[in-house]
Amino acid sequence: MEPQAAVAVADNSNFIVHAFKVGGPAMYVIALIGILTLILIIERFVTLRSLTVNKADFNEHLFGMILRGDVRQAITYCDSKPTPLTTTLKAGLVQVMNHRPDEEVQVAMDAAVLRDTPRVEGWSSFLAVFGNVATLVGLVGTILGMIKSFQGVAQAGAAEKAALLSEGISEALHCTAFGLIVAILAITMYGYFQLRISRIMNDVVESSMSMMNLVVANRDKVKE
């Protein structure tokens, strides 16, 4: 590492350590919220990636099997890629293979969507909660810092007033800044994950409707 880069890293580390020293107890609560936010963000990235499948490629292969009447093979293909999209379509295909009416096929897929929705959403809603709580904790830290500042000024001598005032204001501003940083991260990622979740579920619904139409038009091709 180059000397200038090493100095920059050291300065950043010193800044964070200094912020926690002067920020008061509220800074530790904000840090805890920040850690929980990062853990949840990583968990959501990993989980949503595992629950996503290439819709166009998957539907192309699956619908080809349905057109050939190979429903059993289509079910096996769904089992090879366990995601909300594949489990929903599999639920419908099982009913098709059992020669159930179209209404029961649709009901089975709707039930699968309801089962998988909580798994897709996970704890992502807590990112919005963490964002709001981080802002409020930062505000509490700001107020406590200002109270500390003015109490110190009221009881101190003339020579100490400036130092106590600057100390209290520094505590208040550090709490505000770090609370907002955590809040911005949490709320931004909440919006991003909501978008990804809605896309996953929209793909599931769209594919189930397409498969339903395909099954209705090709019932006579279904093999035993």
Protein backbone atom coordinates (compact mmCIF):
# COMPACT_ATOMS: atom_id res chain seq x y z
CA MET A 1 0.00 0.00 0.00
CA GLU A 2 1.32 3.45 -0.92
CA PRO A 3 2.08 5.86 1.94
CA GLN A 4 -0.65 8.32 0.90
CA ALA A 5 -3.25 5.54 0.74
CA ALA A 6 -2.16 4.24 4.14
CA VAL A 7 -2.48 7.73 5.62
CA ALA A 8 -5.98 8.09 4.11
CA VAL A 9 -7.12 4.77 5.62
CA ALA A 10 -5.68 5.73 8.99
CA ASP A 11 -7.41 9.12 8.86
CA ASN A 12 -10.76 7.47 8.05
CA SER A 13 -10.33 4.99 10.90
CA ASN A 14 -9.38 7.77 13.29
CA PHE A 15 -12.41 9.78 12.16
CA ILE A 16 -14.80 6.91 12.92
CA VAL A 17 -13.17 6.20 16.29
CA HIS A 18 -13.29 9.89 17.15
CA ALA A 19 -16.94 10.08 16.09
CA PHE A 20 -17.88 7.28 18.48
CA LYS A 21 -15.92 8.88 21.30
CA VAL A 22 -17.62 12.25 20.98
CA GLY A 23 -21.01 11.05 19.71
CA GLY A 24 -22.28 9.74 23.00
CA PRO A 25 -24.32 6.60 23.74
CA ALA A 26 -26.67 7.16 20.79
CA MET A 27 -23.78 6.40 18.43
CA TYR A 28 -23.61 2.80 19.67
CA VAL A 29 -27.31 2.31 19.03
CA ILE A 30 -26.86 3.71 15.52
CA ALA A 31 -23.89 1.37 15.00
CA LEU A 32 -26.02 -1.62 16.05
CA ILE A 33 -28.76 -0.60 13.61
CA GLY A 34 -26.13 -0.16 10.90
CA ILE A 35 -24.75 -3.67 11.49
CA LEU A 36 -28.24 -5.20 11.39
CA THR A 37 -28.93 -3.27 8.18
CA LEU A 38 -25.78 -4.61 6.50
CA ILE A 39 -26.54 -8.18 7.59
CA LEU A 40 -30.07 -7.94 6.21
CA ILE A 41 -28.86 -6.42 2.93
CA ILE A 42 -26.36 -9.25 2.41
CA GLU A 43 -28.99 -11.86 3.31
CA ARG A 44 -31.48 -10.36 0.83
CA PHE A 45 -28.91 -10.27 -1.97
CA VAL A 46 -28.01 -13.94 -1.45
CA THR A 47 -31.61 -15.12 -0.99
CA LEU A 48 -33.11 -13.26 -3.94
CA ARG A 49 -30.31 -14.47 -6.17
CA SER A 50 -31.09 -18.07 -5.21
CA LEU A 51 -34.83 -17.51 -5.82
CA THR A 52 -34.38 -16.08 -9.31
CA VAL A 53 -34.35 -18.00 -12.58
CA ASN A 54 -34.06 -16.82 -16.18
CA LYS A 55 -37.76 -16.65 -17.03
CA ALA A 56 -37.43 -16.59 -20.81
CA ASP A 57 -35.02 -19.54 -20.96
CA PHE A 58 -36.94 -21.60 -18.42
CA ASN A 59 -40.35 -20.99 -20.03
CA GLU A 60 -38.98 -21.84 -23.46
CA HIS A 61 -37.83 -25.29 -22.31
CA LEU A 62 -40.87 -25.95 -20.10
CA PHE A 63 -43.50 -24.88 -22.61
CA GLY A 64 -41.78 -27.01 -25.25
CA MET A 65 -42.25 -30.06 -23.03
CA ILE A 66 -45.90 -29.18 -22.46
CA LEU A 67 -46.49 -28.84 -26.21
CA ARG A 68 -45.05 -32.35 -26.63
CA GLY A 69 -47.33 -33.61 -23.87
CA ASP A 70 -44.39 -34.53 -21.60
CA VAL A 71 -45.94 -33.22 -18.37
CA ARG A 72 -44.02 -35.64 -16.17
CA GLN A 73 -40.74 -34.49 -17.71
CA ALA A 74 -41.84 -30.87 -17.23
CA ILE A 75 -42.43 -31.52 -13.52
CA THR A 76 -38.97 -33.08 -13.21
CA TYR A 77 -37.51 -30.04 -14.95
CA CYS A 78 -39.23 -27.77 -12.42
CA ASP A 79 -37.78 -29.83 -9.56
CA SER A 80 -34.27 -29.21 -10.90
CA LYS A 81 -34.58 -25.45 -10.32
CA PRO A 82 -36.46 -24.81 -7.03
CA THR A 83 -37.59 -21.18 -7.18
CA PRO A 84 -40.99 -19.48 -6.70
CA LEU A 85 -41.50 -19.50 -10.48
CA THR A 86 -40.77 -23.21 -10.88
CA THR A 87 -42.69 -24.37 -7.79
CA THR A 88 -45.75 -22.40 -8.92
CA LEU A 89 -45.73 -23.93 -12.39
CA LYS A 90 -45.05 -27.38 -10.96
CA ALA A 91 -48.12 -27.08 -8.72
CA GLY A 92 -50.23 -26.51 -11.80
CA LEU A 93 -48.56 -29.28 -13.80
CA VAL A 94 -49.21 -31.83 -11.05
CA GLN A 95 -52.92 -31.07 -11.34
CA VAL A 96 -52.70 -31.33 -15.13
CA MET A 97 -51.03 -34.73 -14.88
CA ASN A 98 -53.83 -35.87 -12.55
CA HIS A 99 -56.38 -34.71 -15.16
CA ARG A 100 -57.93 -32.14 -12.83
CA PRO A 101 -60.18 -29.37 -14.21
CA ASP A 102 -58.69 -26.04 -15.33
CA GLU A 103 -60.10 -24.31 -12.24
CA GLU A 104 -58.16 -26.62 -9.91
CA VAL A 105 -54.99 -26.11 -11.93
CA GLN A 106 -55.31 -22.34 -11.47
CA VAL A 107 -56.18 -22.66 -7.77
CA ALA A 108 -53.09 -24.82 -7.20
CA MET A 109 -50.84 -22.22 -8.81
CA ASP A 110 -52.49 -19.38 -6.88
CA ALA A 111 -51.91 -21.27 -3.62
CA ALA A 112 -48.25 -21.79 -4.54
CA VAL A 113 -47.85 -18.05 -5.14
CA LEU A 114 -49.31 -17.31 -1.70
CA ARG A 115 -46.92 -19.81 -0.08
CA ASP A 116 -43.83 -18.44 -1.79
CA THR A 117 -44.53 -14.72 -1.38
CA PRO A 118 -43.37 -14.56 2.28
CA ARG A 119 -40.19 -16.43 1.32
CA VAL A 120 -39.44 -13.88 -1.40
CA GLU A 121 -40.24 -10.86 0.77
CA GLY A 122 -38.34 -12.17 3.80
CA TRP A 123 -37.39 -9.48 6.30
CA SER A 124 -36.90 -6.77 3.69
CA SER A 125 -39.62 -4.59 5.24
CA PHE A 126 -37.36 -4.20 8.29
CA LEU A 127 -34.98 -2.11 6.19
CA ALA A 128 -37.61 0.64 6.17
CA VAL A 129 -37.99 0.22 9.94
CA PHE A 130 -34.22 0.42 10.46
CA GLY A 131 -34.08 3.56 8.31
CA ASN A 132 -36.74 5.31 10.37
CA VAL A 133 -35.30 4.16 13.70
CA ALA A 134 -31.78 5.27 12.74
CA THR A 135 -33.11 8.74 11.93
CA LEU A 136 -34.98 8.94 15.24
CA VAL A 137 -32.01 7.69 17.26
CA GLY A 138 -29.81 10.25 15.52
CA LEU A 139 -32.35 12.93 16.45
CA VAL A 140 -32.35 11.76 20.08
CA GLY A 141 -28.56 11.90 20.12
CA THR A 142 -28.70 15.39 18.66
CA ILE A 143 -31.10 16.58 21.34
CA LEU A 144 -29.07 14.97 24.12
CA GLY A 145 -25.93 16.62 22.77
CA MET A 146 -27.57 20.04 22.74
CA ILE A 147 -28.95 19.53 26.25
CA LYS A 148 -25.49 18.53 27.46
CA SER A 149 -24.02 21.55 25.72
CA PHE A 150 -26.33 24.13 27.25
CA GLN A 151 -26.28 22.56 30.69
CA GLY A 152 -22.50 22.71 30.66
CA VAL A 153 -22.49 26.31 29.52
CA ALA A 154 -24.96 27.28 32.24
CA GLN A 155 -22.83 25.78 35.00
CA ALA A 156 -19.32 26.51 33.71
CA GLY A 157 -17.10 29.47 34.08
CA ALA A 158 -16.41 31.91 31.29
CA ALA A 159 -13.19 30.16 30.23
CA GLU A 160 -14.87 26.72 29.88
CA LYS A 161 -18.08 27.76 28.13
CA ALA A 162 -16.69 27.70 24.59
CA ALA A 163 -15.13 24.24 25.03
CA LEU A 164 -18.27 22.72 26.55
CA LEU A 165 -20.47 24.31 23.90
CA SER A 166 -18.35 22.96 21.05
CA GLU A 167 -18.24 19.50 22.68
CA GLY A 168 -22.01 19.30 22.93
CA ILE A 169 -22.56 20.55 19.40
CA SER A 170 -19.98 18.05 18.09
CA GLU A 171 -21.84 15.19 19.80
CA ALA A 172 -25.13 16.38 18.34
CA LEU A 173 -23.83 16.72 14.79
CA HIS A 174 -22.05 13.35 14.79
CA CYS A 175 -25.27 11.61 15.86
CA THR A 176 -27.21 13.42 13.17
CA ALA A 177 -24.72 12.57 10.45
CA PHE A 178 -24.30 8.87 11.25
CA GLY A 179 -28.02 8.39 11.84
CA LEU A 180 -28.76 9.83 8.41
CA ILE A 181 -26.05 7.72 6.74
CA VAL A 182 -27.58 4.51 8.10
CA ALA A 183 -31.09 5.70 7.28
CA ILE A 184 -30.20 6.58 3.67
CA LEU A 185 -28.55 3.18 3.14
CA ALA A 186 -31.46 1.26 4.68
CA ILE A 187 -34.24 3.11 2.85
CA THR A 188 -32.43 3.05 -0.50
CA MET A 189 -31.86 -0.70 -0.28
CA TYR A 190 -35.46 -1.22 0.85
CA GLY A 191 -36.66 0.44 -2.35
CA TYR A 192 -34.26 -1.63 -4.44
CA PHE A 193 -35.34 -4.93 -2.89
CA GLN A 194 -39.02 -4.04 -3.22
CA LEU A 195 -38.43 -3.55 -6.93
CA ARG A 196 -36.67 -6.91 -7.25
CA ILE A 197 -39.38 -8.68 -5.26
CA SER A 198 -42.16 -7.21 -7.40
CA ARG A 199 -40.34 -8.29 -10.57
CA ILE A 200 -39.93 -11.85 -9.29
CA MET A 201 -43.60 -12.13 -8.36
CA ASN A 202 -44.73 -10.50 -11.62
CA ASP A 203 -42.70 -13.09 -13.54
CA VAL A 204 -44.40 -15.86 -11.55
CA VAL A 205 -47.90 -14.56 -12.24
CA GLU A 206 -47.19 -13.88 -15.91
CA SER A 207 -45.66 -17.33 -16.46
CA SER A 208 -48.51 -19.09 -14.66
CA MET A 209 -51.05 -17.33 -16.88
CA SER A 210 -49.09 -18.25 -20.01
CA MET A 211 -48.83 -21.87 -18.92
CA MET A 212 -52.52 -21.99 -18.08
CA ASN A 213 -53.43 -20.81 -21.57
CA LEU A 214 -51.01 -23.34 -23.08
CA VAL A 215 -52.46 -26.20 -21.04
CA VAL A 216 -56.05 -25.30 -21.93
CA ALA A 217 -55.18 -25.31 -25.64
CA ASN A 218 -53.20 -28.58 -25.51
CA ARG A 219 -55.05 -30.82 -23.04
CA ASP A 220 -55.37 -33.56 -25.67
CA LYS A 221 -51.58 -33.91 -25.93
CA VAL A 222 -51.00 -34.74 -22.27
CA LYS A 223 -49.37 -38.17 -21.88
CA GLU A 224 -50.00 -40.56 -19.04
